[in-house]
Amino acid sequence: MKAATTPEATTPRPANRTGAKSRRGFAAMSPETQRRIASEGGKASHASGRGHRFTAEEARDAGRKGGLVSRRPAKNAPAGYKVAA
C-alpha cells in the first residue's frame, strides 16, 4: 500500500524546528540587561512593601535546611528510608 502524499507531508519544516531553539524573552537578552530588569523588579517589590528581607536567623535556618530537606524520597530508595526533616 502506497502512503498518501499530502501537502503537510511534503512541506519541509521551518528552520527553527530542526532541534535548534530560538532565544526569546529573557534568554535573548544579555546577562547585564537581565540583571537590570530583575533589579528593577526587586526594588519595586520592596518599595510597595511586598518584598521580604531575611533576618540573620532566617537565613541561617534556610541554609541549614537546604541540604537536609527533600520534597519526596528517591524512587529507588530502600524500604523504610526516611527523609531528614
N, C-alpha and C. Protein backbone atom coordinates (compact mmCIF):
# COMPACT_ATOMS: atom_id res chain seq x y z
N MET A 1 0.84 -1.17 0.00
CA MET A 1 0.00 0.00 0.00
C MET A 1 0.89 1.24 0.00
N LYS A 2 0.59 2.17 -0.87
CA LYS A 2 1.39 3.38 -1.01
C LYS A 2 0.86 4.47 -0.07
N ALA A 3 1.75 5.16 0.62
CA ALA A 3 1.34 6.23 1.54
C ALA A 3 0.84 7.42 0.75
N ALA A 4 -0.23 8.02 1.25
CA ALA A 4 -0.80 9.20 0.59
C ALA A 4 0.13 10.38 0.78
N THR A 5 0.32 11.14 -0.27
CA THR A 5 1.15 12.34 -0.15
C THR A 5 0.23 13.54 -0.01
N THR A 6 0.32 14.18 1.13
CA THR A 6 -0.46 15.38 1.40
C THR A 6 0.48 16.56 1.41
N PRO A 7 -0.06 17.76 1.22
CA PRO A 7 0.83 18.94 1.27
C PRO A 7 1.59 19.04 2.59
N GLU A 8 0.95 18.62 3.71
CA GLU A 8 1.62 18.69 5.02
C GLU A 8 2.81 17.74 5.08
N ALA A 9 2.68 16.58 4.43
CA ALA A 9 3.74 15.57 4.48
C ALA A 9 4.94 15.96 3.64
N THR A 10 4.72 16.73 2.58
CA THR A 10 5.83 17.08 1.69
C THR A 10 6.43 18.45 1.98
N THR A 11 5.76 19.25 2.81
CA THR A 11 6.26 20.59 3.13
C THR A 11 7.41 20.47 4.12
N PRO A 12 8.56 21.06 3.82
CA PRO A 12 9.69 20.99 4.77
C PRO A 12 9.37 21.79 6.03
N ARG A 13 9.94 21.35 7.13
CA ARG A 13 9.72 22.04 8.40
C ARG A 13 10.52 23.34 8.42
N PRO A 14 10.04 24.35 9.13
CA PRO A 14 10.79 25.60 9.24
C PRO A 14 12.16 25.36 9.88
N ALA A 15 13.10 26.21 9.59
CA ALA A 15 14.47 26.05 10.07
C ALA A 15 14.55 26.01 11.60
N ASN A 16 13.71 26.78 12.29
CA ASN A 16 13.81 26.81 13.74
C ASN A 16 13.16 25.60 14.40
N ARG A 17 12.64 24.68 13.65
CA ARG A 17 12.02 23.48 14.20
C ARG A 17 12.91 22.25 14.08
N THR A 18 14.14 22.41 13.67
CA THR A 18 15.01 21.26 13.43
C THR A 18 15.81 20.85 14.65
N GLY A 19 15.47 21.35 15.80
CA GLY A 19 16.17 20.97 17.02
C GLY A 19 16.86 22.15 17.67
N ALA A 20 17.23 23.16 16.90
CA ALA A 20 17.85 24.34 17.48
C ALA A 20 16.75 25.22 18.06
N LYS A 21 16.94 25.69 19.27
CA LYS A 21 15.93 26.53 19.91
C LYS A 21 16.22 27.99 19.64
N SER A 22 15.15 28.73 19.36
CA SER A 22 15.34 30.17 19.18
C SER A 22 15.29 30.82 20.55
N ARG A 23 16.10 31.81 20.73
CA ARG A 23 16.16 32.50 22.02
C ARG A 23 15.13 33.61 22.02
N ARG A 24 14.20 33.55 22.97
CA ARG A 24 13.15 34.55 23.07
C ARG A 24 13.08 35.06 24.50
N GLY A 25 12.49 36.22 24.67
CA GLY A 25 12.31 36.76 26.01
C GLY A 25 13.63 37.04 26.71
N PHE A 26 13.71 36.63 27.98
CA PHE A 26 14.92 36.89 28.76
C PHE A 26 16.13 36.16 28.18
N ALA A 27 15.93 35.01 27.57
CA ALA A 27 17.06 34.26 27.02
C ALA A 27 17.77 35.03 25.92
N ALA A 28 17.05 35.91 25.23
CA ALA A 28 17.64 36.67 24.13
C ALA A 28 18.39 37.90 24.63
N MET A 29 18.22 38.24 25.90
CA MET A 29 18.85 39.45 26.44
C MET A 29 20.23 39.13 26.99
N SER A 30 21.04 40.15 27.04
CA SER A 30 22.37 39.98 27.63
C SER A 30 22.21 39.80 29.15
N PRO A 31 23.17 39.15 29.79
CA PRO A 31 23.08 38.97 31.25
C PRO A 31 22.97 40.29 32.00
N GLU A 32 23.61 41.34 31.49
CA GLU A 32 23.53 42.65 32.15
C GLU A 32 22.11 43.20 32.09
N THR A 33 21.44 43.04 30.94
CA THR A 33 20.06 43.53 30.79
C THR A 33 19.13 42.72 31.68
N GLN A 34 19.32 41.41 31.74
CA GLN A 34 18.51 40.57 32.62
C GLN A 34 18.65 41.02 34.07
N ARG A 35 19.88 41.25 34.48
CA ARG A 35 20.15 41.66 35.85
C ARG A 35 19.51 43.00 36.16
N ARG A 36 19.58 43.95 35.21
CA ARG A 36 19.00 45.27 35.42
C ARG A 36 17.48 45.18 35.59
N ILE A 37 16.81 44.40 34.74
CA ILE A 37 15.36 44.27 34.82
C ILE A 37 14.95 43.58 36.12
N ALA A 38 15.67 42.52 36.50
CA ALA A 38 15.37 41.82 37.74
C ALA A 38 15.57 42.74 38.95
N SER A 39 16.59 43.58 38.88
CA SER A 39 16.85 44.52 39.96
C SER A 39 15.71 45.53 40.09
N GLU A 40 15.21 46.01 38.96
CA GLU A 40 14.09 46.95 38.99
C GLU A 40 12.87 46.31 39.62
N GLY A 41 12.64 45.03 39.31
CA GLY A 41 11.50 44.32 39.90
C GLY A 41 11.65 44.18 41.40
N GLY A 42 12.85 43.86 41.85
CA GLY A 42 13.09 43.74 43.28
C GLY A 42 12.93 45.05 44.01
N LYS A 43 13.41 46.13 43.41
CA LYS A 43 13.26 47.45 44.03
C LYS A 43 11.80 47.84 44.11
N ALA A 44 11.03 47.56 43.06
CA ALA A 44 9.60 47.89 43.06
C ALA A 44 8.87 47.07 44.12
N SER A 45 9.25 45.80 44.27
CA SER A 45 8.63 44.94 45.26
C SER A 45 8.85 45.47 46.67
N HIS A 46 10.06 45.86 46.98
CA HIS A 46 10.36 46.38 48.31
C HIS A 46 9.71 47.75 48.52
N ALA A 47 9.65 48.56 47.47
CA ALA A 47 9.03 49.88 47.59
C ALA A 47 7.54 49.77 47.88
N SER A 48 6.89 48.72 47.35
CA SER A 48 5.46 48.54 47.58
C SER A 48 5.17 47.87 48.91
N GLY A 49 6.22 47.43 49.61
CA GLY A 49 6.03 46.79 50.91
C GLY A 49 5.82 45.29 50.83
N ARG A 50 5.92 44.72 49.65
CA ARG A 50 5.70 43.28 49.49
C ARG A 50 7.00 42.49 49.50
N GLY A 51 8.13 43.15 49.48
CA GLY A 51 9.41 42.46 49.47
C GLY A 51 9.71 41.85 50.83
N HIS A 52 10.59 40.87 50.86
CA HIS A 52 10.96 40.21 52.12
C HIS A 52 12.46 40.28 52.30
N ARG A 53 12.86 40.63 53.48
CA ARG A 53 14.27 40.63 53.84
C ARG A 53 14.48 39.57 54.90
N PHE A 54 15.42 38.67 54.65
CA PHE A 54 15.73 37.65 55.63
C PHE A 54 16.50 38.25 56.79
N THR A 55 16.13 37.84 57.99
CA THR A 55 16.95 38.19 59.14
C THR A 55 18.12 37.21 59.16
N ALA A 56 19.12 37.48 59.95
CA ALA A 56 20.27 36.58 60.03
C ALA A 56 19.82 35.19 60.48
N GLU A 57 18.87 35.13 61.40
CA GLU A 57 18.39 33.83 61.90
C GLU A 57 17.64 33.06 60.81
N GLU A 58 16.79 33.75 60.06
CA GLU A 58 16.05 33.10 58.96
C GLU A 58 17.01 32.56 57.90
N ALA A 59 18.01 33.35 57.57
CA ALA A 59 18.98 32.93 56.56
C ALA A 59 19.77 31.73 57.05
N ARG A 60 20.13 31.72 58.31
CA ARG A 60 20.88 30.61 58.89
C ARG A 60 20.04 29.33 58.85
N ASP A 61 18.75 29.43 59.22
CA ASP A 61 17.86 28.27 59.20
C ASP A 61 17.67 27.75 57.77
N ALA A 62 17.50 28.65 56.82
CA ALA A 62 17.31 28.24 55.42
C ALA A 62 18.55 27.52 54.91
N GLY A 63 19.73 28.02 55.24
CA GLY A 63 20.96 27.38 54.81
C GLY A 63 21.15 26.02 55.44
N ARG A 64 20.77 25.89 56.69
CA ARG A 64 20.90 24.61 57.38
C ARG A 64 19.96 23.58 56.78
N LYS A 65 18.74 23.99 56.46
CA LYS A 65 17.73 23.06 55.93
C LYS A 65 17.97 22.73 54.46
N GLY A 66 18.70 23.56 53.76
CA GLY A 66 18.88 23.38 52.32
C GLY A 66 19.30 22.00 51.89
N GLY A 67 20.26 21.42 52.55
CA GLY A 67 20.73 20.11 52.15
C GLY A 67 20.02 18.96 52.83
N LEU A 68 19.15 19.25 53.78
CA LEU A 68 18.50 18.19 54.55
C LEU A 68 17.14 17.81 54.02
N VAL A 69 16.40 18.76 53.52
CA VAL A 69 15.00 18.53 53.17
C VAL A 69 14.87 18.11 51.72
N SER A 70 14.10 17.07 51.52
CA SER A 70 13.80 16.60 50.17
C SER A 70 12.29 16.60 50.02
N ARG A 71 11.79 17.03 48.90
CA ARG A 71 10.35 17.09 48.71
C ARG A 71 9.73 15.71 48.64
N ARG A 72 10.42 14.75 48.10
CA ARG A 72 9.94 13.37 48.08
C ARG A 72 11.15 12.45 48.00
N PRO A 73 11.03 11.27 48.57
CA PRO A 73 12.17 10.35 48.54
C PRO A 73 12.43 9.84 47.13
N ALA A 74 13.64 9.40 46.91
CA ALA A 74 14.03 8.87 45.61
C ALA A 74 13.21 7.63 45.28
N LYS A 75 12.94 7.40 43.99
CA LYS A 75 12.14 6.25 43.58
C LYS A 75 12.83 4.93 43.95
N ASN A 76 14.13 4.92 43.94
CA ASN A 76 14.87 3.69 44.23
C ASN A 76 15.31 3.60 45.69
N ALA A 77 14.69 4.39 46.56
CA ALA A 77 15.08 4.38 47.96
C ALA A 77 14.72 3.03 48.58
N PRO A 78 15.57 2.53 49.48
CA PRO A 78 15.25 1.26 50.12
C PRO A 78 14.02 1.37 51.00
N ALA A 79 13.37 0.25 51.26
CA ALA A 79 12.18 0.24 52.11
C ALA A 79 12.53 0.78 53.48
N GLY A 80 11.67 1.59 54.03
CA GLY A 80 11.90 2.16 55.34
C GLY A 80 12.79 3.39 55.33
N TYR A 81 13.16 3.87 54.15
CA TYR A 81 14.00 5.05 54.02
C TYR A 81 13.28 6.27 54.56
N LYS A 82 13.92 7.03 55.43
CA LYS A 82 13.30 8.22 55.99
C LYS A 82 14.05 9.46 55.53
N VAL A 83 13.30 10.50 55.18
CA VAL A 83 13.88 11.76 54.75
C VAL A 83 14.10 12.61 55.99
N ALA A 84 15.27 13.22 56.10
CA ALA A 84 15.58 14.10 57.24
C ALA A 84 14.65 15.31 57.21
N ALA A 85 14.15 15.68 58.37
CA ALA A 85 13.22 16.82 58.44
C ALA A 85 13.87 18.07 58.93
